[in-house]
N, C-alpha and C. Protein backbone atom coordinates (compact mmCIF):
# COMPACT_ATOMS: atom_id res chain seq x y z
N MET A 1 -29.63 -75.83 -12.23
CA MET A 1 -29.37 -74.45 -11.85
C MET A 1 -29.92 -74.21 -10.45
N SER A 2 -29.12 -73.62 -9.59
CA SER A 2 -29.58 -73.38 -8.23
C SER A 2 -30.50 -72.16 -8.17
N LYS A 3 -31.38 -72.21 -7.20
CA LYS A 3 -32.33 -71.12 -7.04
C LYS A 3 -31.67 -69.93 -6.35
N LYS A 4 -32.20 -68.76 -6.64
CA LYS A 4 -31.81 -67.56 -5.93
C LYS A 4 -32.59 -67.53 -4.62
N THR A 5 -32.10 -66.73 -3.68
CA THR A 5 -32.76 -66.61 -2.38
C THR A 5 -33.36 -65.23 -2.22
N LEU A 6 -34.63 -65.21 -1.86
CA LEU A 6 -35.34 -63.98 -1.52
C LEU A 6 -35.59 -64.02 -0.02
N ILE A 7 -35.15 -62.98 0.67
CA ILE A 7 -35.46 -62.84 2.09
C ILE A 7 -36.42 -61.68 2.25
N VAL A 8 -37.47 -61.93 3.02
CA VAL A 8 -38.43 -60.89 3.39
C VAL A 8 -38.31 -60.69 4.89
N ILE A 9 -37.98 -59.46 5.28
CA ILE A 9 -37.92 -59.13 6.71
C ILE A 9 -39.22 -58.45 7.07
N GLY A 10 -40.03 -59.16 7.83
CA GLY A 10 -41.33 -58.64 8.24
C GLY A 10 -42.44 -59.54 7.77
N ASN A 11 -43.24 -60.00 8.71
CA ASN A 11 -44.36 -60.87 8.38
C ASN A 11 -45.68 -60.26 8.85
N GLY A 12 -45.80 -58.96 8.64
CA GLY A 12 -47.06 -58.28 8.94
C GLY A 12 -47.93 -58.24 7.71
N MET A 13 -48.85 -57.30 7.70
CA MET A 13 -49.79 -57.19 6.58
C MET A 13 -49.08 -56.93 5.25
N VAL A 14 -48.11 -56.01 5.26
CA VAL A 14 -47.41 -55.67 4.01
C VAL A 14 -46.56 -56.84 3.54
N GLY A 15 -45.83 -57.46 4.45
CA GLY A 15 -45.01 -58.61 4.08
C GLY A 15 -45.87 -59.73 3.50
N HIS A 16 -47.01 -59.98 4.13
CA HIS A 16 -47.89 -61.04 3.65
C HIS A 16 -48.48 -60.70 2.27
N HIS A 17 -48.94 -59.47 2.10
CA HIS A 17 -49.49 -59.08 0.79
C HIS A 17 -48.41 -59.16 -0.29
N PHE A 18 -47.18 -58.76 0.06
CA PHE A 18 -46.09 -58.89 -0.90
C PHE A 18 -45.94 -60.36 -1.32
N LEU A 19 -45.91 -61.26 -0.33
CA LEU A 19 -45.75 -62.68 -0.64
C LEU A 19 -46.86 -63.20 -1.53
N GLU A 20 -48.09 -62.81 -1.25
CA GLU A 20 -49.21 -63.24 -2.09
C GLU A 20 -48.99 -62.84 -3.54
N GLN A 21 -48.55 -61.60 -3.75
CA GLN A 21 -48.31 -61.10 -5.11
C GLN A 21 -47.09 -61.79 -5.73
N PHE A 22 -46.03 -61.93 -4.94
CA PHE A 22 -44.79 -62.49 -5.48
C PHE A 22 -44.96 -63.94 -5.91
N VAL A 23 -45.56 -64.77 -5.05
CA VAL A 23 -45.66 -66.20 -5.40
C VAL A 23 -46.58 -66.43 -6.59
N ALA A 24 -47.45 -65.47 -6.89
CA ALA A 24 -48.33 -65.58 -8.06
C ALA A 24 -47.69 -65.03 -9.33
N SER A 25 -46.51 -64.45 -9.20
CA SER A 25 -45.87 -63.80 -10.35
C SER A 25 -45.00 -64.77 -11.14
N PRO A 26 -44.80 -64.48 -12.43
CA PRO A 26 -43.88 -65.30 -13.22
C PRO A 26 -42.47 -65.15 -12.64
N GLY A 27 -41.76 -66.22 -12.57
CA GLY A 27 -40.39 -66.17 -12.06
C GLY A 27 -40.27 -66.47 -10.59
N ALA A 28 -41.37 -66.55 -9.87
CA ALA A 28 -41.29 -66.82 -8.43
C ALA A 28 -40.65 -68.18 -8.15
N ALA A 29 -40.84 -69.13 -9.06
CA ALA A 29 -40.28 -70.47 -8.88
C ALA A 29 -38.76 -70.47 -8.91
N GLU A 30 -38.16 -69.38 -9.37
CA GLU A 30 -36.69 -69.28 -9.41
C GLU A 30 -36.09 -68.98 -8.04
N TYR A 31 -36.95 -68.78 -7.03
CA TYR A 31 -36.47 -68.34 -5.71
C TYR A 31 -36.83 -69.30 -4.60
N ASP A 32 -35.89 -69.45 -3.68
CA ASP A 32 -36.19 -69.96 -2.35
C ASP A 32 -36.57 -68.73 -1.54
N ILE A 33 -37.66 -68.82 -0.79
CA ILE A 33 -38.16 -67.66 -0.07
C ILE A 33 -38.07 -67.92 1.43
N LEU A 34 -37.45 -66.99 2.13
CA LEU A 34 -37.26 -67.07 3.57
C LEU A 34 -37.84 -65.80 4.19
N VAL A 35 -38.77 -65.96 5.13
CA VAL A 35 -39.44 -64.83 5.76
C VAL A 35 -39.14 -64.82 7.25
N PHE A 36 -38.72 -63.66 7.75
CA PHE A 36 -38.48 -63.48 9.18
C PHE A 36 -39.56 -62.58 9.76
N GLY A 37 -40.16 -63.02 10.85
CA GLY A 37 -41.15 -62.21 11.55
C GLY A 37 -40.83 -62.17 13.03
N GLU A 38 -40.84 -60.98 13.61
CA GLU A 38 -40.48 -60.88 15.03
C GLU A 38 -41.58 -61.37 15.96
N GLU A 39 -42.81 -61.41 15.48
CA GLU A 39 -43.90 -61.92 16.31
C GLU A 39 -43.99 -63.43 16.19
N LYS A 40 -44.60 -64.05 17.19
CA LYS A 40 -44.72 -65.51 17.17
C LYS A 40 -45.92 -66.00 16.37
N GLN A 41 -46.81 -65.06 15.97
CA GLN A 41 -48.00 -65.42 15.21
C GLN A 41 -47.79 -65.22 13.72
N LEU A 42 -48.60 -65.93 12.95
CA LEU A 42 -48.65 -65.67 11.51
C LEU A 42 -49.18 -64.26 11.29
N ALA A 43 -48.95 -63.72 10.10
CA ALA A 43 -49.45 -62.38 9.77
C ALA A 43 -50.94 -62.29 10.05
N TYR A 44 -51.36 -61.16 10.62
CA TYR A 44 -52.77 -60.97 10.92
C TYR A 44 -53.18 -59.55 10.59
N ASP A 45 -54.49 -59.36 10.52
CA ASP A 45 -55.08 -58.10 10.10
C ASP A 45 -55.16 -57.13 11.28
N ARG A 46 -54.22 -56.19 11.33
CA ARG A 46 -54.20 -55.21 12.43
C ARG A 46 -55.38 -54.24 12.36
N VAL A 47 -55.95 -54.07 11.19
CA VAL A 47 -57.08 -53.16 11.05
C VAL A 47 -58.24 -53.62 11.94
N HIS A 48 -58.36 -54.92 12.11
CA HIS A 48 -59.46 -55.49 12.90
C HIS A 48 -58.98 -55.98 14.27
N LEU A 49 -57.88 -55.43 14.75
CA LEU A 49 -57.29 -55.87 16.01
C LEU A 49 -58.28 -55.77 17.17
N SER A 50 -59.11 -54.74 17.19
CA SER A 50 -60.05 -54.56 18.30
C SER A 50 -61.04 -55.72 18.41
N GLU A 51 -61.28 -56.41 17.31
CA GLU A 51 -62.20 -57.55 17.34
C GLU A 51 -61.67 -58.69 18.21
N TYR A 52 -60.39 -58.66 18.51
CA TYR A 52 -59.78 -59.66 19.39
C TYR A 52 -60.42 -59.60 20.77
N PHE A 53 -60.83 -58.40 21.19
CA PHE A 53 -61.45 -58.24 22.50
C PHE A 53 -62.93 -58.61 22.50
N THR A 54 -63.51 -58.81 21.35
CA THR A 54 -64.93 -59.17 21.30
C THR A 54 -65.11 -60.62 20.85
N GLY A 55 -64.06 -61.41 20.98
CA GLY A 55 -64.18 -62.84 20.74
C GLY A 55 -63.45 -63.39 19.54
N SER A 56 -62.97 -62.54 18.65
CA SER A 56 -62.19 -63.06 17.52
C SER A 56 -60.89 -63.66 18.04
N THR A 57 -60.45 -64.71 17.39
CA THR A 57 -59.21 -65.37 17.77
C THR A 57 -58.11 -64.97 16.79
N HIS A 58 -56.88 -65.39 17.11
CA HIS A 58 -55.80 -65.15 16.17
C HIS A 58 -56.13 -65.78 14.82
N ALA A 59 -56.68 -66.97 14.85
CA ALA A 59 -57.03 -67.64 13.59
C ALA A 59 -58.03 -66.82 12.79
N ASP A 60 -58.96 -66.16 13.48
CA ASP A 60 -59.94 -65.31 12.78
C ASP A 60 -59.26 -64.12 12.11
N LEU A 61 -58.23 -63.58 12.74
CA LEU A 61 -57.54 -62.40 12.22
C LEU A 61 -56.41 -62.75 11.27
N ALA A 62 -55.98 -64.01 11.27
CA ALA A 62 -54.84 -64.43 10.46
C ALA A 62 -55.11 -64.21 8.98
N MET A 63 -54.08 -63.81 8.26
CA MET A 63 -54.20 -63.56 6.83
C MET A 63 -53.89 -64.80 6.00
N GLY A 64 -53.37 -65.81 6.64
CA GLY A 64 -53.04 -67.05 5.96
C GLY A 64 -52.84 -68.13 7.01
N THR A 65 -52.47 -69.29 6.55
CA THR A 65 -52.22 -70.41 7.45
C THR A 65 -50.79 -70.91 7.24
N ALA A 66 -50.32 -71.68 8.19
CA ALA A 66 -49.00 -72.29 8.03
C ALA A 66 -48.97 -73.16 6.79
N ASP A 67 -50.09 -73.82 6.50
CA ASP A 67 -50.18 -74.65 5.30
C ASP A 67 -50.03 -73.82 4.03
N TRP A 68 -50.59 -72.60 4.02
CA TRP A 68 -50.46 -71.73 2.84
C TRP A 68 -48.99 -71.41 2.59
N TYR A 69 -48.27 -70.99 3.63
CA TYR A 69 -46.85 -70.67 3.46
C TYR A 69 -46.10 -71.89 2.94
N SER A 70 -46.36 -73.03 3.53
CA SER A 70 -45.69 -74.26 3.12
C SER A 70 -46.00 -74.61 1.67
N ALA A 71 -47.26 -74.49 1.28
CA ALA A 71 -47.66 -74.81 -0.10
C ALA A 71 -47.00 -73.88 -1.11
N GLN A 72 -46.66 -72.67 -0.68
CA GLN A 72 -46.00 -71.71 -1.58
C GLN A 72 -44.48 -71.89 -1.57
N GLY A 73 -43.99 -72.81 -0.74
CA GLY A 73 -42.55 -73.01 -0.65
C GLY A 73 -41.85 -71.94 0.17
N VAL A 74 -42.60 -71.28 1.04
CA VAL A 74 -42.04 -70.21 1.87
C VAL A 74 -41.59 -70.80 3.19
N GLU A 75 -40.32 -70.56 3.53
CA GLU A 75 -39.81 -70.95 4.84
C GLU A 75 -40.06 -69.79 5.79
N LEU A 76 -40.87 -70.03 6.79
CA LEU A 76 -41.31 -68.98 7.70
C LEU A 76 -40.60 -69.13 9.03
N ARG A 77 -39.94 -68.07 9.45
CA ARG A 77 -39.22 -68.05 10.73
C ARG A 77 -39.89 -67.04 11.64
N LEU A 78 -40.86 -67.51 12.42
CA LEU A 78 -41.57 -66.64 13.35
C LEU A 78 -40.76 -66.49 14.63
N ASP A 79 -40.99 -65.38 15.32
CA ASP A 79 -40.31 -65.09 16.58
C ASP A 79 -38.79 -65.07 16.38
N GLU A 80 -38.38 -64.58 15.22
CA GLU A 80 -36.95 -64.49 14.90
C GLU A 80 -36.68 -63.14 14.22
N SER A 81 -36.12 -62.23 14.98
CA SER A 81 -35.85 -60.88 14.48
C SER A 81 -34.50 -60.81 13.78
N VAL A 82 -34.46 -60.05 12.72
CA VAL A 82 -33.18 -59.77 12.06
C VAL A 82 -32.50 -58.66 12.86
N THR A 83 -31.28 -58.93 13.28
CA THR A 83 -30.55 -57.97 14.12
C THR A 83 -29.51 -57.18 13.35
N THR A 84 -29.01 -57.75 12.25
CA THR A 84 -27.99 -57.08 11.46
C THR A 84 -28.27 -57.31 9.98
N LEU A 85 -28.07 -56.26 9.21
CA LEU A 85 -28.23 -56.32 7.76
C LEU A 85 -26.93 -55.82 7.14
N ASN A 86 -26.27 -56.67 6.35
CA ASN A 86 -25.04 -56.28 5.67
C ASN A 86 -25.33 -56.30 4.17
N ARG A 87 -25.60 -55.13 3.63
CA ARG A 87 -25.97 -55.05 2.21
C ARG A 87 -24.78 -55.33 1.30
N ASP A 88 -23.58 -54.98 1.72
CA ASP A 88 -22.40 -55.25 0.88
C ASP A 88 -22.19 -56.75 0.69
N ARG A 89 -22.35 -57.51 1.75
CA ARG A 89 -22.18 -58.97 1.69
C ARG A 89 -23.47 -59.71 1.37
N LYS A 90 -24.60 -58.96 1.32
CA LYS A 90 -25.92 -59.55 1.08
C LYS A 90 -26.20 -60.66 2.09
N ARG A 91 -26.13 -60.26 3.38
CA ARG A 91 -26.36 -61.21 4.47
C ARG A 91 -27.18 -60.54 5.56
N VAL A 92 -28.03 -61.34 6.21
CA VAL A 92 -28.74 -60.88 7.40
C VAL A 92 -28.38 -61.81 8.55
N THR A 93 -28.41 -61.25 9.75
CA THR A 93 -28.10 -62.02 10.94
C THR A 93 -29.28 -61.97 11.90
N THR A 94 -29.57 -63.11 12.50
CA THR A 94 -30.58 -63.21 13.55
C THR A 94 -29.89 -63.86 14.75
N PRO A 95 -30.56 -63.93 15.89
CA PRO A 95 -29.96 -64.64 17.02
C PRO A 95 -29.69 -66.12 16.73
N LYS A 96 -30.31 -66.65 15.67
CA LYS A 96 -30.16 -68.07 15.35
C LYS A 96 -29.19 -68.36 14.22
N GLY A 97 -28.67 -67.31 13.55
CA GLY A 97 -27.74 -67.58 12.47
C GLY A 97 -27.62 -66.44 11.48
N GLU A 98 -26.84 -66.72 10.43
CA GLU A 98 -26.60 -65.75 9.37
C GLU A 98 -27.10 -66.35 8.06
N TYR A 99 -27.74 -65.52 7.24
CA TYR A 99 -28.38 -66.01 6.02
C TYR A 99 -28.03 -65.09 4.86
N GLY A 100 -27.71 -65.70 3.72
CA GLY A 100 -27.41 -64.93 2.52
C GLY A 100 -28.65 -64.75 1.67
N TYR A 101 -28.63 -63.73 0.85
CA TYR A 101 -29.77 -63.47 -0.04
C TYR A 101 -29.29 -62.91 -1.36
N ASP A 102 -30.12 -63.07 -2.37
CA ASP A 102 -29.91 -62.42 -3.66
C ASP A 102 -30.79 -61.18 -3.75
N GLU A 103 -32.01 -61.30 -3.23
CA GLU A 103 -32.96 -60.19 -3.21
C GLU A 103 -33.49 -60.05 -1.79
N LEU A 104 -33.75 -58.81 -1.39
CA LEU A 104 -34.21 -58.52 -0.03
C LEU A 104 -35.40 -57.58 -0.07
N VAL A 105 -36.41 -57.89 0.71
CA VAL A 105 -37.57 -57.01 0.87
C VAL A 105 -37.67 -56.63 2.34
N LEU A 106 -37.72 -55.33 2.60
CA LEU A 106 -37.90 -54.84 3.97
C LEU A 106 -39.37 -54.46 4.14
N ALA A 107 -40.06 -55.21 4.95
CA ALA A 107 -41.48 -54.96 5.23
C ALA A 107 -41.65 -54.95 6.75
N THR A 108 -40.85 -54.10 7.39
CA THR A 108 -40.71 -54.14 8.85
C THR A 108 -41.80 -53.42 9.61
N GLY A 109 -42.63 -52.66 8.94
CA GLY A 109 -43.70 -51.97 9.65
C GLY A 109 -43.18 -50.80 10.46
N SER A 110 -43.91 -50.49 11.51
CA SER A 110 -43.55 -49.32 12.32
C SER A 110 -43.62 -49.69 13.79
N PHE A 111 -43.23 -48.74 14.61
CA PHE A 111 -43.32 -48.90 16.05
C PHE A 111 -44.16 -47.77 16.61
N PRO A 112 -44.93 -48.04 17.64
CA PRO A 112 -45.77 -46.99 18.20
C PRO A 112 -44.94 -45.94 18.93
N PHE A 113 -45.41 -44.71 18.88
CA PHE A 113 -44.77 -43.62 19.61
C PHE A 113 -45.40 -43.55 21.00
N VAL A 114 -44.56 -43.60 22.00
CA VAL A 114 -45.02 -43.44 23.38
C VAL A 114 -44.52 -42.09 23.85
N PRO A 115 -45.42 -41.17 24.17
CA PRO A 115 -44.99 -39.83 24.58
C PRO A 115 -44.09 -39.89 25.82
N PRO A 116 -43.16 -38.97 25.92
CA PRO A 116 -42.23 -38.97 27.06
C PRO A 116 -42.92 -38.41 28.32
N ILE A 117 -43.85 -39.18 28.85
CA ILE A 117 -44.57 -38.74 30.05
C ILE A 117 -44.23 -39.65 31.22
N GLU A 118 -44.35 -39.09 32.39
CA GLU A 118 -44.05 -39.85 33.60
C GLU A 118 -45.00 -41.05 33.70
N GLY A 119 -44.44 -42.19 34.04
CA GLY A 119 -45.23 -43.39 34.22
C GLY A 119 -45.25 -44.32 33.02
N ARG A 120 -44.66 -43.92 31.91
CA ARG A 120 -44.73 -44.76 30.71
C ARG A 120 -43.99 -46.09 30.88
N GLU A 121 -43.11 -46.17 31.89
CA GLU A 121 -42.40 -47.43 32.14
C GLU A 121 -43.17 -48.35 33.08
N HIS A 122 -44.32 -47.90 33.58
CA HIS A 122 -45.11 -48.69 34.52
C HIS A 122 -45.49 -50.02 33.88
N PRO A 123 -45.47 -51.11 34.66
CA PRO A 123 -45.78 -52.42 34.07
C PRO A 123 -47.21 -52.55 33.53
N HIS A 124 -48.10 -51.63 33.89
CA HIS A 124 -49.47 -51.68 33.37
C HIS A 124 -49.71 -50.59 32.32
N CYS A 125 -48.64 -50.12 31.70
CA CYS A 125 -48.73 -49.14 30.60
C CYS A 125 -48.39 -49.89 29.31
N PHE A 126 -49.29 -49.84 28.35
CA PHE A 126 -49.14 -50.65 27.14
C PHE A 126 -49.33 -49.82 25.88
N VAL A 127 -48.82 -50.34 24.79
CA VAL A 127 -49.20 -49.85 23.47
C VAL A 127 -50.26 -50.81 22.94
N TYR A 128 -50.92 -50.41 21.86
CA TYR A 128 -52.05 -51.16 21.31
C TYR A 128 -51.71 -51.46 19.86
N ARG A 129 -50.85 -52.48 19.66
CA ARG A 129 -50.36 -52.73 18.31
C ARG A 129 -50.36 -54.20 17.90
N THR A 130 -50.05 -55.08 18.85
CA THR A 130 -49.91 -56.49 18.51
C THR A 130 -50.85 -57.35 19.34
N LEU A 131 -51.01 -58.60 18.94
CA LEU A 131 -51.82 -59.52 19.73
C LEU A 131 -51.20 -59.74 21.10
N ASP A 132 -49.88 -59.75 21.19
CA ASP A 132 -49.22 -59.86 22.49
C ASP A 132 -49.57 -58.66 23.37
N ASP A 133 -49.61 -57.45 22.77
CA ASP A 133 -50.02 -56.26 23.53
C ASP A 133 -51.43 -56.44 24.07
N LEU A 134 -52.33 -56.93 23.23
CA LEU A 134 -53.71 -57.10 23.66
C LEU A 134 -53.85 -58.17 24.73
N ASP A 135 -53.06 -59.23 24.65
CA ASP A 135 -53.07 -60.23 25.71
C ASP A 135 -52.60 -59.62 27.03
N ALA A 136 -51.58 -58.76 26.97
CA ALA A 136 -51.09 -58.11 28.19
C ALA A 136 -52.12 -57.14 28.76
N ILE A 137 -52.82 -56.42 27.89
CA ILE A 137 -53.88 -55.50 28.34
C ILE A 137 -54.99 -56.30 29.01
N ARG A 138 -55.38 -57.40 28.40
CA ARG A 138 -56.44 -58.24 28.98
C ARG A 138 -56.03 -58.75 30.37
N ALA A 139 -54.80 -59.21 30.50
CA ALA A 139 -54.32 -59.70 31.80
C ALA A 139 -54.30 -58.58 32.83
N SER A 140 -53.85 -57.41 32.43
CA SER A 140 -53.79 -56.26 33.34
C SER A 140 -55.18 -55.81 33.76
N ALA A 141 -56.14 -55.89 32.85
CA ALA A 141 -57.51 -55.45 33.14
C ALA A 141 -58.13 -56.26 34.27
N ARG A 142 -57.69 -57.48 34.45
CA ARG A 142 -58.23 -58.31 35.53
C ARG A 142 -57.90 -57.73 36.90
N GLU A 143 -56.84 -56.91 36.96
CA GLU A 143 -56.40 -56.33 38.23
C GLU A 143 -56.86 -54.89 38.41
N GLY A 144 -57.41 -54.28 37.37
CA GLY A 144 -57.72 -52.85 37.42
C GLY A 144 -59.19 -52.53 37.42
N LYS A 145 -59.46 -51.23 37.59
CA LYS A 145 -60.83 -50.73 37.56
C LYS A 145 -61.02 -49.71 36.45
N SER A 146 -59.93 -49.06 36.04
CA SER A 146 -60.03 -48.04 35.00
C SER A 146 -58.77 -48.06 34.15
N GLY A 147 -58.89 -47.43 32.99
CA GLY A 147 -57.76 -47.33 32.08
C GLY A 147 -57.79 -46.01 31.35
N VAL A 148 -56.62 -45.55 30.95
CA VAL A 148 -56.49 -44.29 30.22
C VAL A 148 -55.91 -44.59 28.85
N VAL A 149 -56.50 -44.01 27.82
CA VAL A 149 -56.00 -44.13 26.46
C VAL A 149 -55.50 -42.75 26.05
N VAL A 150 -54.26 -42.69 25.60
CA VAL A 150 -53.70 -41.44 25.10
C VAL A 150 -53.91 -41.42 23.59
N GLY A 151 -54.72 -40.48 23.13
CA GLY A 151 -55.03 -40.36 21.71
C GLY A 151 -56.49 -40.62 21.44
N GLY A 152 -57.14 -39.65 20.84
CA GLY A 152 -58.57 -39.75 20.59
C GLY A 152 -58.92 -40.00 19.14
N GLY A 153 -57.97 -40.52 18.37
CA GLY A 153 -58.27 -40.89 16.99
C GLY A 153 -59.05 -42.19 16.95
N LEU A 154 -59.24 -42.70 15.74
CA LEU A 154 -60.02 -43.92 15.57
C LEU A 154 -59.48 -45.07 16.40
N LEU A 155 -58.18 -45.32 16.33
CA LEU A 155 -57.60 -46.42 17.09
C LEU A 155 -57.70 -46.18 18.59
N GLY A 156 -57.51 -44.92 19.02
CA GLY A 156 -57.65 -44.61 20.44
C GLY A 156 -59.05 -44.88 20.95
N LEU A 157 -60.05 -44.52 20.15
CA LEU A 157 -61.43 -44.77 20.55
C LEU A 157 -61.74 -46.27 20.54
N GLU A 158 -61.15 -47.00 19.60
CA GLU A 158 -61.31 -48.45 19.60
C GLU A 158 -60.67 -49.06 20.85
N ALA A 159 -59.51 -48.53 21.22
CA ALA A 159 -58.83 -49.02 22.43
C ALA A 159 -59.69 -48.73 23.66
N ALA A 160 -60.27 -47.54 23.73
CA ALA A 160 -61.14 -47.19 24.86
C ALA A 160 -62.35 -48.12 24.91
N ASN A 161 -62.92 -48.42 23.76
CA ASN A 161 -64.04 -49.35 23.71
C ASN A 161 -63.61 -50.73 24.19
N ALA A 162 -62.42 -51.14 23.82
CA ALA A 162 -61.91 -52.44 24.26
C ALA A 162 -61.77 -52.46 25.78
N LEU A 163 -61.28 -51.37 26.37
CA LEU A 163 -61.18 -51.31 27.83
C LEU A 163 -62.56 -51.43 28.47
N THR A 164 -63.53 -50.75 27.89
CA THR A 164 -64.90 -50.84 28.39
C THR A 164 -65.42 -52.27 28.29
N ASN A 165 -65.15 -52.92 27.17
CA ASN A 165 -65.57 -54.32 27.00
C ASN A 165 -64.90 -55.25 28.00
N LEU A 166 -63.73 -54.84 28.51
CA LEU A 166 -63.02 -55.62 29.52
C LEU A 166 -63.50 -55.30 30.93
N GLY A 167 -64.51 -54.42 31.03
CA GLY A 167 -65.07 -54.09 32.33
C GLY A 167 -64.41 -52.93 33.04
N LEU A 168 -63.57 -52.18 32.32
CA LEU A 168 -62.89 -51.04 32.91
C LEU A 168 -63.62 -49.74 32.58
N GLN A 169 -63.46 -48.76 33.46
CA GLN A 169 -63.90 -47.41 33.14
C GLN A 169 -62.80 -46.80 32.27
N ALA A 170 -63.15 -46.38 31.07
CA ALA A 170 -62.15 -45.88 30.12
C ALA A 170 -62.15 -44.36 30.08
N HIS A 171 -60.95 -43.79 30.03
CA HIS A 171 -60.75 -42.34 29.90
C HIS A 171 -59.87 -42.11 28.69
N VAL A 172 -60.23 -41.14 27.86
CA VAL A 172 -59.46 -40.81 26.67
C VAL A 172 -58.86 -39.43 26.85
N VAL A 173 -57.55 -39.32 26.64
CA VAL A 173 -56.84 -38.04 26.71
C VAL A 173 -56.37 -37.72 25.30
N GLU A 174 -56.80 -36.56 24.79
CA GLU A 174 -56.40 -36.15 23.44
C GLU A 174 -55.42 -35.00 23.54
């Protein structure tokens, strides 16, 4: 008997936690599991993202390893975004191909809101959401003296602290 196919779109915290629960459940062996993640890194803990600026590495923040996914029989497609979803045909499309599924889980996360203010397109204007964002902020900080954080909530204050740790004078606008 052939296996059914489960596709998970999203390899963030929710997608990873879903996989942990699913592979431990009865019946998981009936599925081939294919996971698409738009980032190039394995799932990582965004709650502790600020620790990346104080010396933590991606491996420190990672929620699993490539070996874990492989041991669970999960085919992981990093840096591959799903561009089209056809629910009638039960197919997803990426820039690399089209894939059929029997079951689909959407764990796509969210996108940051950038206020419609002048200058938001500037090459040194960033959001604070992914490891790639933090790498870009770190590179930009080498050229700057100060930075502005829009938002004075917990994450905004963590971002301001990160700018300070990078040697910048940080300003928070609430």
